[in-house]
Amino acid sequence: MKLLANENFPLDSVYLLRRWGYDVYSIGLDNPSISDEEVMEIAIKEQRIIMTFDRDYGELIFKAGYRPPEGVIYLRIEPIFPNIRQKLSGN
């Protein structure tokens, strides 16, 4: 399974998934500040599942016609601890 962690995906989680043996391409580490369209192109080209907290990917799929064959995991998790919310927002 090949994953693509969007820039808003926590780096701690990227490192953990890699430790568990997953092939994870991290936008935050490997290609920061690129557009959502560029992220989508990487996912399509490399056949990766996008993991994101960004709802804009739904618009790219349903309105702009992008079709990532592997799909998108859109996460909506309510953090248990306040410091986790801070990590997710990058502040």
C-alpha atoms as a PDB file:
ATOM      1  CA  MET A   1       0.000   0.000   0.000  1.00  0.00           C
ATOM      2  CA  LYS A   2       1.417   3.355  -1.071  1.00  0.00           C
ATOM      3  CA  LEU A   3       0.288   6.405   0.883  1.00  0.00           C
ATOM      4  CA  LEU A   4       0.594  10.133   0.337  1.00  0.00           C
ATOM      5  CA  ALA A   5       0.389  12.272   3.464  1.00  0.00           C
ATOM      6  CA  ASN A   6      -0.880  15.744   2.665  1.00  0.00           C
ATOM      7  CA  GLU A   7       0.974  18.676   4.211  1.00  0.00           C
ATOM      8  CA  ASN A   8      -1.569  18.926   7.034  1.00  0.00           C
ATOM      9  CA  PHE A   9      -1.063  15.279   8.050  1.00  0.00           C
ATOM     10  CA  PRO A  10       0.905  15.075  11.334  1.00  0.00           C
ATOM     11  CA  LEU A  11       4.567  14.232  10.829  1.00  0.00           C
ATOM     12  CA  ASP A  12       4.529  12.046  13.957  1.00  0.00           C
ATOM     13  CA  SER A  13       1.973   9.873  12.159  1.00  0.00           C
ATOM     14  CA  VAL A  14       4.082   9.804   8.974  1.00  0.00           C
ATOM     15  CA  TYR A  15       7.096   8.572  10.960  1.00  0.00           C
ATOM     16  CA  LEU A  16       4.982   5.977  12.763  1.00  0.00           C
ATOM     17  CA  LEU A  17       3.495   4.615   9.533  1.00  0.00           C
ATOM     18  CA  ARG A  18       6.969   4.414   7.998  1.00  0.00           C
ATOM     19  CA  ARG A  19       8.242   2.547  11.076  1.00  0.00           C
ATOM     20  CA  TRP A  20       5.390   0.081  10.584  1.00  0.00           C
ATOM     21  CA  GLY A  21       6.628  -0.542   7.034  1.00  0.00           C
ATOM     22  CA  TYR A  22       4.242   1.602   4.992  1.00  0.00           C
ATOM     23  CA  ASP A  23       5.495   3.441   1.918  1.00  0.00           C
ATOM     24  CA  VAL A  24       4.538   7.028   2.814  1.00  0.00           C
ATOM     25  CA  TYR A  25       5.336  10.047   0.661  1.00  0.00           C
ATOM     26  CA  SER A  26       5.028  13.155   2.830  1.00  0.00           C
ATOM     27  CA  ILE A  27       4.193  16.452   1.158  1.00  0.00           C
ATOM     28  CA  GLY A  28       5.287  18.302   4.315  1.00  0.00           C
ATOM     29  CA  LEU A  29       8.748  16.708   4.170  1.00  0.00           C
ATOM     30  CA  ASP A  30       9.276  16.042   0.475  1.00  0.00           C
ATOM     31  CA  ASN A  31       7.436  18.843  -1.332  1.00  0.00           C
ATOM     32  CA  PRO A  32       6.038  21.533   1.007  1.00  0.00           C
ATOM     33  CA  SER A  33       3.778  24.345  -0.193  1.00  0.00           C
ATOM     34  CA  ILE A  34       2.710  22.766  -3.477  1.00  0.00           C
ATOM     35  CA  SER A  35      -0.889  23.167  -4.643  1.00  0.00           C
ATOM     36  CA  ASP A  36      -3.649  20.628  -4.028  1.00  0.00           C
ATOM     37  CA  GLU A  37      -3.698  19.966  -7.776  1.00  0.00           C
ATOM     38  CA  GLU A  38       0.011  19.112  -7.695  1.00  0.00           C
ATOM     39  CA  VAL A  39      -0.579  16.789  -4.730  1.00  0.00           C
ATOM     40  CA  MET A  40      -3.357  15.105  -6.689  1.00  0.00           C
ATOM     41  CA  GLU A  41      -1.062  14.687  -9.730  1.00  0.00           C
ATOM     42  CA  ILE A  42       1.617  13.003  -7.575  1.00  0.00           C
ATOM     43  CA  ALA A  43      -0.980  10.660  -6.089  1.00  0.00           C
ATOM     44  CA  ILE A  44      -2.317   9.733  -9.526  1.00  0.00           C
ATOM     45  CA  LYS A  45       1.128   9.306 -11.101  1.00  0.00           C
ATOM     46  CA  GLU A  46       2.517   7.220  -8.226  1.00  0.00           C
ATOM     47  CA  GLN A  47      -0.766   5.401  -7.478  1.00  0.00           C
ATOM     48  CA  ARG A  48      -0.913   6.538  -3.850  1.00  0.00           C
ATOM     49  CA  ILE A  49      -3.813   6.924  -1.437  1.00  0.00           C
ATOM     50  CA  ILE A  50      -4.053  10.534  -0.259  1.00  0.00           C
ATOM     51  CA  MET A  51      -4.451  11.018   3.503  1.00  0.00           C
ATOM     52  CA  THR A  52      -5.691  14.502   4.362  1.00  0.00           C
ATOM     53  CA  PHE A  53      -7.678  16.697   6.722  1.00  0.00           C
ATOM     54  CA  ASP A  54      -8.428  19.068   3.806  1.00  0.00           C
ATOM     55  CA  ARG A  55     -11.947  18.897   2.338  1.00  0.00           C
ATOM     56  CA  ASP A  56     -10.780  20.625  -0.865  1.00  0.00           C
ATOM     57  CA  TYR A  57      -9.903  17.212  -2.284  1.00  0.00           C
ATOM     58  CA  GLY A  58     -13.601  16.394  -2.536  1.00  0.00           C
ATOM     59  CA  GLU A  59     -14.052  19.455  -4.733  1.00  0.00           C
ATOM     60  CA  LEU A  60     -11.113  18.432  -6.916  1.00  0.00           C
ATOM     61  CA  ILE A  61     -12.706  15.028  -7.406  1.00  0.00           C
ATOM     62  CA  PHE A  62     -16.340  16.028  -7.874  1.00  0.00           C
ATOM     63  CA  LYS A  63     -15.986  19.456  -9.508  1.00  0.00           C
ATOM     64  CA  ALA A  64     -12.597  19.472 -11.252  1.00  0.00           C
ATOM     65  CA  GLY A  65     -12.742  15.853 -12.419  1.00  0.00           C
ATOM     66  CA  TYR A  66      -9.591  14.470 -10.812  1.00  0.00           C
ATOM     67  CA  ARG A  67      -9.841  10.712 -10.411  1.00  0.00           C
ATOM     68  CA  PRO A  68      -7.162   9.303  -8.114  1.00  0.00           C
ATOM     69  CA  PRO A  69      -7.437   5.562  -8.769  1.00  0.00           C
ATOM     70  CA  GLU A  70      -6.313   4.661  -5.250  1.00  0.00           C
ATOM     71  CA  GLY A  71      -8.620   7.141  -3.512  1.00  0.00           C
ATOM     72  CA  VAL A  72      -8.550   9.718  -0.738  1.00  0.00           C
ATOM     73  CA  ILE A  73      -8.843   9.200   3.000  1.00  0.00           C
ATOM     74  CA  TYR A  74     -10.471  12.354   4.336  1.00  0.00           C
ATOM     75  CA  LEU A  75      -9.917  12.458   8.083  1.00  0.00           C
ATOM     76  CA  ARG A  76     -12.215  14.286  10.490  1.00  0.00           C
ATOM     77  CA  ILE A  77     -10.932  13.382  13.906  1.00  0.00           C
ATOM     78  CA  GLU A  78     -11.812  15.345  17.010  1.00  0.00           C
ATOM     79  CA  PRO A  79      -8.586  15.345  19.049  1.00  0.00           C
ATOM     80  CA  ILE A  80      -8.828  14.114  22.627  1.00  0.00           C
ATOM     81  CA  PHE A  81      -6.119  16.404  23.986  1.00  0.00           C
ATOM     82  CA  PRO A  82      -5.765  20.153  23.227  1.00  0.00           C
ATOM     83  CA  ASN A  83      -2.091  19.841  22.250  1.00  0.00           C
ATOM     84  CA  ILE A  84      -3.058  17.411  19.467  1.00  0.00           C
ATOM     85  CA  ARG A  85      -5.336  20.061  17.938  1.00  0.00           C
ATOM     86  CA  GLN A  86      -2.387  22.454  18.048  1.00  0.00           C
ATOM     87  CA  LYS A  87      -0.130  19.933  16.272  1.00  0.00           C
ATOM     88  CA  LEU A  88      -2.744  19.314  13.557  1.00  0.00           C
ATOM     89  CA  SER A  89      -3.120  23.018  12.832  1.00  0.00           C
ATOM     90  CA  GLY A  90       0.643  23.509  12.701  1.00  0.00           C
ATOM     91  CA  ASN A  91       0.686  26.135  15.479  1.00  0.00           C
END
